[in-house]
Amino acid sequence: MSTEPSPRPEEADRPLTVYGDVTDPLGRIASLRADALRAAGLPLEWRSVVQHVSTRVTATPATAETRQHVAEVERWHQDRALPGERVAWPTPRSVPCPRPPVAGHAEAVGAGIGDHVRRVLVDAYWGDGLDIGNPDVLRHLLVLPILHGHPRADVLQQDGYAVAINGDPITTDAWRRIRHWRQEWELLGSPELPVAVDGGRLYCGADAVSHLGELVEERRLPFPTVNPFPLPAMPLPAQRLSVGRPGRRPAWWDA
């Protein structure tokens, strides 16, 4: 579905905004196409949103309905894949708790490494089959990126903790960011994810993925095979002296 409202003057220069869930198969394709656009320097903001808020705290096995949905999206993608775009992905065996990936990405955005972490989440879930809804798994995935980023909270700066043990974000800024993302998506009418807002035009679901593909195709952009977003140098607070080992190492190495 796509609608074409007349863009307001103040919206004309806004960057492309994408609302998406990296654990959804269409969200995976949208994220990888966003990688190609962002790696080329296009102004694109990814906002992590899940279609349905859930109270569950653990992963659930992938049902027959889930596997069928993934297979249908893969067939759709095979018919519309762009040159150099990866098509075949393993079908995840479980569906993660939705809160921790959103929390981790929100903290990463605040630390200036949102694109890098979004790619980490996609590769971990779709490539490696990891439960990115498990805070323990997510902490191990994100500790190095967070330590290399520039967060303001001490626990992120020094220990790399981006997600609380219950899967929620650590900082108030991340809480507010998540709330803002969802509120903005709801103001659009809570349309089917992923959603692309481009110049006042709204694209939803498969149409959003197709629109991102058109932007990639018209610029003839390559698809990065590895994470295209390098991390900045690790700041000094994250390199404090380790008590248990000699030399300047991140303290979490002792854990």
C-alpha atoms as a PDB file:
ATOM      1  CA  MET A   1       0.000   0.000   0.000  1.00  0.00           C
ATOM      2  CA  SER A   2       1.233   3.507  -0.760  1.00  0.00           C
ATOM      3  CA  THR A   3      -0.375   6.874  -0.262  1.00  0.00           C
ATOM      4  CA  GLU A   4       0.777  10.173  -1.659  1.00  0.00           C
ATOM      5  CA  PRO A   5      -0.183  13.118   0.559  1.00  0.00           C
ATOM      6  CA  SER A   6       1.166  16.487  -0.449  1.00  0.00           C
ATOM      7  CA  PRO A   7       4.395  17.019   1.504  1.00  0.00           C
ATOM      8  CA  ARG A   8       4.524  20.047   3.754  1.00  0.00           C
ATOM      9  CA  PRO A   9       7.422  22.453   3.019  1.00  0.00           C
ATOM     10  CA  GLU A  10       9.170  21.559   6.265  1.00  0.00           C
ATOM     11  CA  GLU A  11       9.047  17.859   5.294  1.00  0.00           C
ATOM     12  CA  ALA A  12      10.628  18.265   1.886  1.00  0.00           C
ATOM     13  CA  ASP A  13      14.200  18.157   3.149  1.00  0.00           C
ATOM     14  CA  ARG A  14      13.703  15.449   5.758  1.00  0.00           C
ATOM     15  CA  PRO A  15      15.754  12.279   5.357  1.00  0.00           C
ATOM     16  CA  LEU A  16      14.161   8.991   4.477  1.00  0.00           C
ATOM     17  CA  THR A  17      12.694   7.433   7.614  1.00  0.00           C
ATOM     18  CA  VAL A  18      12.168   3.691   7.945  1.00  0.00           C
ATOM     19  CA  TYR A  19      10.201   2.027  10.728  1.00  0.00           C
ATOM     20  CA  GLY A  20      11.013  -1.650  10.960  1.00  0.00           C
ATOM     21  CA  ASP A  21      11.485  -4.840  12.942  1.00  0.00           C
ATOM     22  CA  VAL A  22      14.694  -6.731  12.130  1.00  0.00           C
ATOM     23  CA  THR A  23      13.166 -10.028  13.317  1.00  0.00           C
ATOM     24  CA  ASP A  24      10.533  -9.856  10.576  1.00  0.00           C
ATOM     25  CA  PRO A  25      11.536 -11.239   7.146  1.00  0.00           C
ATOM     26  CA  LEU A  26      10.422  -8.104   5.297  1.00  0.00           C
ATOM     27  CA  GLY A  27      12.255  -6.053   7.924  1.00  0.00           C
ATOM     28  CA  ARG A  28      15.407  -8.060   7.193  1.00  0.00           C
ATOM     29  CA  ILE A  29      15.256  -7.188   3.491  1.00  0.00           C
ATOM     30  CA  ALA A  30      14.464  -3.557   4.265  1.00  0.00           C
ATOM     31  CA  SER A  31      17.414  -3.377   6.670  1.00  0.00           C
ATOM     32  CA  LEU A  32      19.878  -4.769   4.126  1.00  0.00           C
ATOM     33  CA  ARG A  33      18.647  -2.342   1.490  1.00  0.00           C
ATOM     34  CA  ALA A  34      18.956   0.441   4.055  1.00  0.00           C
ATOM     35  CA  ASP A  35      22.584  -0.687   4.539  1.00  0.00           C
ATOM     36  CA  ALA A  36      23.293  -0.101   0.855  1.00  0.00           C
ATOM     37  CA  LEU A  37      21.732   3.360   0.994  1.00  0.00           C
ATOM     38  CA  ARG A  38      23.402   4.400   4.253  1.00  0.00           C
ATOM     39  CA  ALA A  39      26.806   3.068   3.165  1.00  0.00           C
ATOM     40  CA  ALA A  40      26.501   5.347   0.113  1.00  0.00           C
ATOM     41  CA  GLY A  41      25.909   8.342   2.367  1.00  0.00           C
ATOM     42  CA  LEU A  42      22.166   8.791   1.877  1.00  0.00           C
ATOM     43  CA  PRO A  43      20.346  10.341   4.853  1.00  0.00           C
ATOM     44  CA  LEU A  44      18.246   7.502   6.226  1.00  0.00           C
ATOM     45  CA  GLU A  45      17.006   7.036   9.779  1.00  0.00           C
ATOM     46  CA  TRP A  46      15.992   3.547  10.945  1.00  0.00           C
ATOM     47  CA  ARG A  47      13.505   3.488  13.819  1.00  0.00           C
ATOM     48  CA  SER A  48      12.987   0.150  15.550  1.00  0.00           C
ATOM     49  CA  VAL A  49       9.301  -0.660  16.046  1.00  0.00           C
ATOM     50  CA  VAL A  50       7.414  -3.938  16.456  1.00  0.00           C
ATOM     51  CA  GLN A  51       3.952  -4.413  15.008  1.00  0.00           C
ATOM     52  CA  HIS A  52       2.396  -5.893  18.136  1.00  0.00           C
ATOM     53  CA  VAL A  53       3.595  -5.188  21.668  1.00  0.00           C
ATOM     54  CA  SER A  54       4.124  -8.426  23.586  1.00  0.00           C
ATOM     55  CA  THR A  55       4.407  -9.161  27.301  1.00  0.00           C
ATOM     56  CA  ARG A  56       6.380 -12.385  26.834  1.00  0.00           C
ATOM     57  CA  VAL A  57       9.974 -12.424  28.030  1.00  0.00           C
ATOM     58  CA  THR A  58      11.360 -15.515  26.299  1.00  0.00           C
ATOM     59  CA  ALA A  59      11.599 -16.778  22.747  1.00  0.00           C
ATOM     60  CA  THR A  60       8.876 -18.999  21.326  1.00  0.00           C
ATOM     61  CA  PRO A  61       9.434 -21.827  18.833  1.00  0.00           C
ATOM     62  CA  ALA A  62       8.797 -20.860  15.217  1.00  0.00           C
ATOM     63  CA  THR A  63       5.321 -22.141  14.393  1.00  0.00           C
ATOM     64  CA  ALA A  64       4.217 -23.578  11.077  1.00  0.00           C
ATOM     65  CA  GLU A  65       2.558 -20.222  10.383  1.00  0.00           C
ATOM     66  CA  THR A  66       5.827 -18.401  11.045  1.00  0.00           C
ATOM     67  CA  ARG A  67       7.802 -20.715   8.782  1.00  0.00           C
ATOM     68  CA  GLN A  68       5.189 -20.323   6.055  1.00  0.00           C
ATOM     69  CA  HIS A  69       5.378 -16.535   6.322  1.00  0.00           C
ATOM     70  CA  VAL A  70       9.177 -16.609   6.015  1.00  0.00           C
ATOM     71  CA  ALA A  71       8.917 -18.926   2.989  1.00  0.00           C
ATOM     72  CA  GLU A  72       6.356 -16.666   1.309  1.00  0.00           C
ATOM     73  CA  VAL A  73       8.541 -13.596   1.803  1.00  0.00           C
ATOM     74  CA  GLU A  74      11.554 -15.497   0.458  1.00  0.00           C
ATOM     75  CA  ARG A  75       9.635 -16.481  -2.693  1.00  0.00           C
ATOM     76  CA  TRP A  76       8.489 -12.872  -3.112  1.00  0.00           C
ATOM     77  CA  HIS A  77      12.072 -11.718  -2.706  1.00  0.00           C
ATOM     78  CA  GLN A  78      13.462 -14.238  -5.178  1.00  0.00           C
ATOM     79  CA  ASP A  79      11.222 -12.763  -7.884  1.00  0.00           C
ATOM     80  CA  ARG A  80      12.315  -9.198  -7.082  1.00  0.00           C
ATOM     81  CA  ALA A  81      15.900  -9.475  -5.828  1.00  0.00           C
ATOM     82  CA  LEU A  82      18.381  -6.878  -7.002  1.00  0.00           C
ATOM     83  CA  PRO A  83      21.807  -7.726  -8.474  1.00  0.00           C
ATOM     84  CA  GLY A  84      24.182  -8.795  -5.724  1.00  0.00           C
ATOM     85  CA  GLU A  85      21.424  -9.054  -3.107  1.00  0.00           C
ATOM     86  CA  ARG A  86      21.443 -12.113  -0.874  1.00  0.00           C
ATOM     87  CA  VAL A  87      18.210 -14.072  -1.168  1.00  0.00           C
ATOM     88  CA  ALA A  88      18.515 -17.385   0.681  1.00  0.00           C
ATOM     89  CA  TRP A  89      18.572 -17.200   4.486  1.00  0.00           C
ATOM     90  CA  PRO A  90      18.071 -19.917   7.107  1.00  0.00           C
ATOM     91  CA  THR A  91      14.589 -19.976   8.622  1.00  0.00           C
ATOM     92  CA  PRO A  92      14.913 -19.082  12.319  1.00  0.00           C
ATOM     93  CA  ARG A  93      13.892 -21.823  14.716  1.00  0.00           C
ATOM     94  CA  SER A  94      12.473 -19.381  17.251  1.00  0.00           C
ATOM     95  CA  VAL A  95      10.842 -15.975  17.492  1.00  0.00           C
ATOM     96  CA  PRO A  96      12.639 -13.764  20.050  1.00  0.00           C
ATOM     97  CA  CYS A  97      11.148 -11.542  22.693  1.00  0.00           C
ATOM     98  CA  PRO A  98      10.700  -8.243  20.809  1.00  0.00           C
ATOM     99  CA  ARG A  99      11.800  -5.741  23.481  1.00  0.00           C
ATOM    100  CA  PRO A 100      15.567  -6.384  23.844  1.00  0.00           C
ATOM    101  CA  PRO A 101      16.507  -5.860  20.154  1.00  0.00           C
ATOM    102  CA  VAL A 102      14.599  -2.569  20.141  1.00  0.00           C
ATOM    103  CA  ALA A 103      16.274  -1.534  23.407  1.00  0.00           C
ATOM    104  CA  GLY A 104      19.747  -2.436  22.153  1.00  0.00           C
ATOM    105  CA  HIS A 105      19.264  -0.536  18.918  1.00  0.00           C
ATOM    106  CA  ALA A 106      17.897   2.510  20.755  1.00  0.00           C
ATOM    107  CA  GLU A 107      20.943   2.608  23.039  1.00  0.00           C
ATOM    108  CA  ALA A 108      23.223   2.149  20.017  1.00  0.00           C
ATOM    109  CA  VAL A 109      21.617   5.110  18.244  1.00  0.00           C
ATOM    110  CA  GLY A 110      22.328   7.235  21.308  1.00  0.00           C
ATOM    111  CA  ALA A 111      25.946   6.042  21.208  1.00  0.00           C
ATOM    112  CA  GLY A 112      26.281   6.977  17.521  1.00  0.00           C
ATOM    113  CA  ILE A 113      26.540   3.379  16.234  1.00  0.00           C
ATOM    114  CA  GLY A 114      22.926   2.621  15.359  1.00  0.00           C
ATOM    115  CA  ASP A 115      23.583   1.417  11.806  1.00  0.00           C
ATOM    116  CA  HIS A 116      26.403  -0.872  12.912  1.00  0.00           C
ATOM    117  CA  VAL A 117      24.288  -2.494  15.623  1.00  0.00           C
ATOM    118  CA  ARG A 118      21.276  -2.882  13.340  1.00  0.00           C
ATOM    119  CA  ARG A 119      23.457  -4.902  10.976  1.00  0.00           C
ATOM    120  CA  VAL A 120      24.819  -6.929  13.925  1.00  0.00           C
ATOM    121  CA  LEU A 121      21.270  -7.821  14.949  1.00  0.00           C
ATOM    122  CA  VAL A 122      20.287  -8.911  11.429  1.00  0.00           C
ATOM    123  CA  ASP A 123      23.372 -11.083  10.979  1.00  0.00           C
ATOM    124  CA  ALA A 124      23.029 -12.634  14.446  1.00  0.00           C
ATOM    125  CA  TYR A 125      19.368 -13.585  14.072  1.00  0.00           C
ATOM    126  CA  TRP A 126      19.029 -14.410  10.384  1.00  0.00           C
ATOM    127  CA  GLY A 127      22.565 -15.610   9.723  1.00  0.00           C
ATOM    128  CA  ASP A 128      23.569 -17.304  12.975  1.00  0.00           C
ATOM    129  CA  GLY A 129      20.168 -18.180  14.424  1.00  0.00           C
ATOM    130  CA  LEU A 130      20.909 -16.499  17.771  1.00  0.00           C
ATOM    131  CA  ASP A 131      18.171 -15.513  20.184  1.00  0.00           C
ATOM    132  CA  ILE A 132      18.611 -11.746  20.061  1.00  0.00           C
ATOM    133  CA  GLY A 133      15.700 -11.390  22.478  1.00  0.00           C
ATOM    134  CA  ASN A 134      17.779 -12.959  25.252  1.00  0.00           C
ATOM    135  CA  PRO A 135      19.475 -10.130  27.200  1.00  0.00           C
ATOM    136  CA  ASP A 136      22.508 -12.337  27.967  1.00  0.00           C
ATOM    137  CA  VAL A 137      22.992 -13.127  24.266  1.00  0.00           C
ATOM    138  CA  LEU A 138      22.426  -9.499  23.343  1.00  0.00           C
ATOM    139  CA  ARG A 139      24.951  -8.228  25.881  1.00  0.00           C
ATOM    140  CA  HIS A 140      27.677 -10.397  24.401  1.00  0.00           C
ATOM    141  CA  LEU A 141      26.774  -9.225  20.898  1.00  0.00           C
ATOM    142  CA  LEU A 142      26.693  -5.540  21.726  1.00  0.00           C
ATOM    143  CA  VAL A 143      29.374  -5.077  24.367  1.00  0.00           C
ATOM    144  CA  LEU A 144      32.179  -4.296  21.903  1.00  0.00           C
ATOM    145  CA  PRO A 145      30.131  -1.964  19.696  1.00  0.00           C
ATOM    146  CA  ILE A 146      28.831  -0.089  22.735  1.00  0.00           C
ATOM    147  CA  LEU A 147      32.340   0.262  24.185  1.00  0.00           C
ATOM    148  CA  HIS A 148      33.488   1.698  20.855  1.00  0.00           C
ATOM    149  CA  GLY A 149      30.556   4.112  20.725  1.00  0.00           C
ATOM    150  CA  HIS A 150      30.054   7.360  22.568  1.00  0.00           C
ATOM    151  CA  PRO A 151      27.272   6.802  25.113  1.00  0.00           C
ATOM    152  CA  ARG A 152      26.857   9.217  27.990  1.00  0.00           C
ATOM    153  CA  ALA A 153      25.944   6.746  30.747  1.00  0.00           C
ATOM    154  CA  ASP A 154      28.858   5.335  32.762  1.00  0.00           C
ATOM    155  CA  VAL A 155      27.566   1.750  32.657  1.00  0.00           C
ATOM    156  CA  LEU A 156      27.606   1.892  28.856  1.00  0.00           C
ATOM    157  CA  GLN A 157      30.924   3.755  28.635  1.00  0.00           C
ATOM    158  CA  GLN A 158      32.840   1.455  30.940  1.00  0.00           C
ATOM    159  CA  ASP A 159      31.075  -1.912  30.773  1.00  0.00           C
ATOM    160  CA  GLY A 160      29.236  -1.909  27.456  1.00  0.00           C
ATOM    161  CA  TYR A 161      25.866  -2.856  28.980  1.00  0.00           C
ATOM    162  CA  ALA A 162      23.182  -1.791  26.515  1.00  0.00           C
ATOM    163  CA  VAL A 163      20.249  -3.882  27.767  1.00  0.00           C
ATOM    164  CA  ALA A 164      18.970  -4.495  31.285  1.00  0.00           C
ATOM    165  CA  ILE A 165      18.529  -8.058  32.518  1.00  0.00           C
ATOM    166  CA  ASN A 166      14.778  -7.798  31.852  1.00  0.00           C
ATOM    167  CA  GLY A 167      15.406  -6.699  28.252  1.00  0.00           C
ATOM    168  CA  ASP A 168      14.651  -3.009  28.741  1.00  0.00           C
ATOM    169  CA  PRO A 169      17.025  -0.160  27.824  1.00  0.00           C
ATOM    170  CA  ILE A 170      19.486   1.217  30.348  1.00  0.00           C
ATOM    171  CA  THR A 171      19.107   4.963  29.868  1.00  0.00           C
ATOM    172  CA  THR A 172      16.173   7.348  30.053  1.00  0.00           C
ATOM    173  CA  ASP A 173      17.188   8.761  26.666  1.00  0.00           C
ATOM    174  CA  ALA A 174      16.737   5.341  25.068  1.00  0.00           C
ATOM    175  CA  TRP A 175      13.337   4.932  26.760  1.00  0.00           C
ATOM    176  CA  ARG A 176      12.247   8.254  25.326  1.00  0.00           C
ATOM    177  CA  ARG A 177      13.658   7.389  21.915  1.00  0.00           C
ATOM    178  CA  ILE A 178      11.703   4.123  21.774  1.00  0.00           C
ATOM    179  CA  ARG A 179       8.523   5.879  22.892  1.00  0.00           C
ATOM    180  CA  HIS A 180       9.020   8.617  20.278  1.00  0.00           C
ATOM    181  CA  TRP A 181       9.578   6.067  17.489  1.00  0.00           C
ATOM    182  CA  ARG A 182       6.398   4.211  18.364  1.00  0.00           C
ATOM    183  CA  GLN A 183       4.329   7.360  18.784  1.00  0.00           C
ATOM    184  CA  GLU A 184       5.433   8.653  15.378  1.00  0.00           C
ATOM    185  CA  TRP A 185       4.559   5.290  13.796  1.00  0.00           C
ATOM    186  CA  GLU A 186       1.155   5.317  15.502  1.00  0.00           C
ATOM    187  CA  LEU A 187       0.513   8.854  14.227  1.00  0.00           C
ATOM    188  CA  LEU A 188       0.932   7.415  10.735  1.00  0.00           C
ATOM    189  CA  GLY A 189      -1.938   5.046  11.533  1.00  0.00           C
ATOM    190  CA  SER A 190       0.137   2.080  12.777  1.00  0.00           C
ATOM    191  CA  PRO A 191       0.577   0.787   9.198  1.00  0.00           C
ATOM    192  CA  GLU A 192       2.037  -2.594   8.304  1.00  0.00           C
ATOM    193  CA  LEU A 193       5.790  -2.804   8.879  1.00  0.00           C
ATOM    194  CA  PRO A 194       8.217  -2.003   7.471  1.00  0.00           C
ATOM    195  CA  VAL A 195       7.238   1.572   6.715  1.00  0.00           C
ATOM    196  CA  ALA A 196       9.215   4.018   4.578  1.00  0.00           C
ATOM    197  CA  VAL A 197       8.421   7.729   4.737  1.00  0.00           C
ATOM    198  CA  ASP A 198      10.066   9.551   1.868  1.00  0.00           C
ATOM    199  CA  GLY A 199       9.331  13.161   1.006  1.00  0.00           C
ATOM    200  CA  GLY A 200       5.858  13.025   2.514  1.00  0.00           C
ATOM    201  CA  ARG A 201       4.996   9.728   0.799  1.00  0.00           C
ATOM    202  CA  LEU A 202       4.202   6.661   2.834  1.00  0.00           C
ATOM    203  CA  TYR A 203       5.074   3.118   1.757  1.00  0.00           C
ATOM    204  CA  CYS A 204       4.039   0.101   3.826  1.00  0.00           C
ATOM    205  CA  GLY A 205       4.931  -3.578   3.968  1.00  0.00           C
ATOM    206  CA  ALA A 206       6.218  -5.040   0.720  1.00  0.00           C
ATOM    207  CA  ASP A 207       5.760  -1.656  -0.993  1.00  0.00           C
ATOM    208  CA  ALA A 208       8.230  -0.117   1.463  1.00  0.00           C
ATOM    209  CA  VAL A 209      10.798  -2.819   0.672  1.00  0.00           C
ATOM    210  CA  SER A 210      10.229  -2.291  -3.052  1.00  0.00           C
ATOM    211  CA  HIS A 211      10.664   1.469  -2.697  1.00  0.00           C
ATOM    212  CA  LEU A 212      13.984   0.998  -0.916  1.00  0.00           C
ATOM    213  CA  GLY A 213      14.986  -1.361  -3.728  1.00  0.00           C
ATOM    214  CA  GLU A 214      14.126   1.252  -6.324  1.00  0.00           C
ATOM    215  CA  LEU A 215      16.344   3.776  -4.551  1.00  0.00           C
ATOM    216  CA  VAL A 216      19.201   1.263  -4.481  1.00  0.00           C
ATOM    217  CA  GLU A 217      18.687   0.250  -8.101  1.00  0.00           C
ATOM    218  CA  GLU A 218      18.484   3.762  -9.551  1.00  0.00           C
ATOM    219  CA  ARG A 219      21.821   4.584  -7.908  1.00  0.00           C
ATOM    220  CA  ARG A 220      23.337   1.193  -8.819  1.00  0.00           C
ATOM    221  CA  LEU A 221      24.556   0.720  -5.275  1.00  0.00           C
ATOM    222  CA  PRO A 222      26.348  -2.452  -4.181  1.00  0.00           C
ATOM    223  CA  PHE A 223      25.160  -4.600  -1.280  1.00  0.00           C
ATOM    224  CA  PRO A 224      27.823  -4.813   1.442  1.00  0.00           C
ATOM    225  CA  THR A 225      28.705  -8.434   2.229  1.00  0.00           C
ATOM    226  CA  VAL A 226      30.022  -7.499   5.697  1.00  0.00           C
ATOM    227  CA  ASN A 227      29.037  -4.816   8.165  1.00  0.00           C
ATOM    228  CA  PRO A 228      29.715  -1.575   6.234  1.00  0.00           C
ATOM    229  CA  PHE A 229      29.646   0.692   9.272  1.00  0.00           C
ATOM    230  CA  PRO A 230      33.067   0.810  10.979  1.00  0.00           C
ATOM    231  CA  LEU A 231      33.223   1.452  14.687  1.00  0.00           C
ATOM    232  CA  PRO A 232      35.063   4.481  16.056  1.00  0.00           C
ATOM    233  CA  ALA A 233      38.154   4.004  18.207  1.00  0.00           C
ATOM    234  CA  MET A 234      37.400   2.811  21.724  1.00  0.00           C
ATOM    235  CA  PRO A 235      37.345   5.808  24.120  1.00  0.00           C
ATOM    236  CA  LEU A 236      39.630   5.849  27.137  1.00  0.00           C
ATOM    237  CA  PRO A 237      36.902   5.165  29.761  1.00  0.00           C
ATOM    238  CA  ALA A 238      36.372   1.754  28.164  1.00  0.00           C
ATOM    239  CA  GLN A 239      40.116   1.049  28.219  1.00  0.00           C
ATOM    240  CA  ARG A 240      40.609   1.447  31.964  1.00  0.00           C
ATOM    241  CA  LEU A 241      43.166  -0.829  33.612  1.00  0.00           C
ATOM    242  CA  SER A 242      41.950  -4.338  34.238  1.00  0.00           C
ATOM    243  CA  VAL A 243      42.388  -5.520  37.812  1.00  0.00           C
ATOM    244  CA  GLY A 244      42.919  -9.193  37.037  1.00  0.00           C
ATOM    245  CA  ARG A 245      45.185  -8.914  33.987  1.00  0.00           C
ATOM    246  CA  PRO A 246      48.138  -6.690  33.081  1.00  0.00           C
ATOM    247  CA  GLY A 247      47.905  -4.077  30.355  1.00  0.00           C
ATOM    248  CA  ARG A 248      45.174  -1.731  29.206  1.00  0.00           C
ATOM    249  CA  ARG A 249      42.184  -3.943  28.437  1.00  0.00           C
ATOM    250  CA  PRO A 250      38.437  -3.449  28.706  1.00  0.00           C
ATOM    251  CA  ALA A 251      37.346  -4.523  32.186  1.00  0.00           C
ATOM    252  CA  TRP A 252      34.653  -6.848  30.841  1.00  0.00           C
ATOM    253  CA  TRP A 253      37.422  -9.196  29.570  1.00  0.00           C
ATOM    254  CA  ASP A 254      37.808 -10.394  33.162  1.00  0.00           C
ATOM    255  CA  ALA A 255      34.219 -11.607  33.356  1.00  0.00           C
END
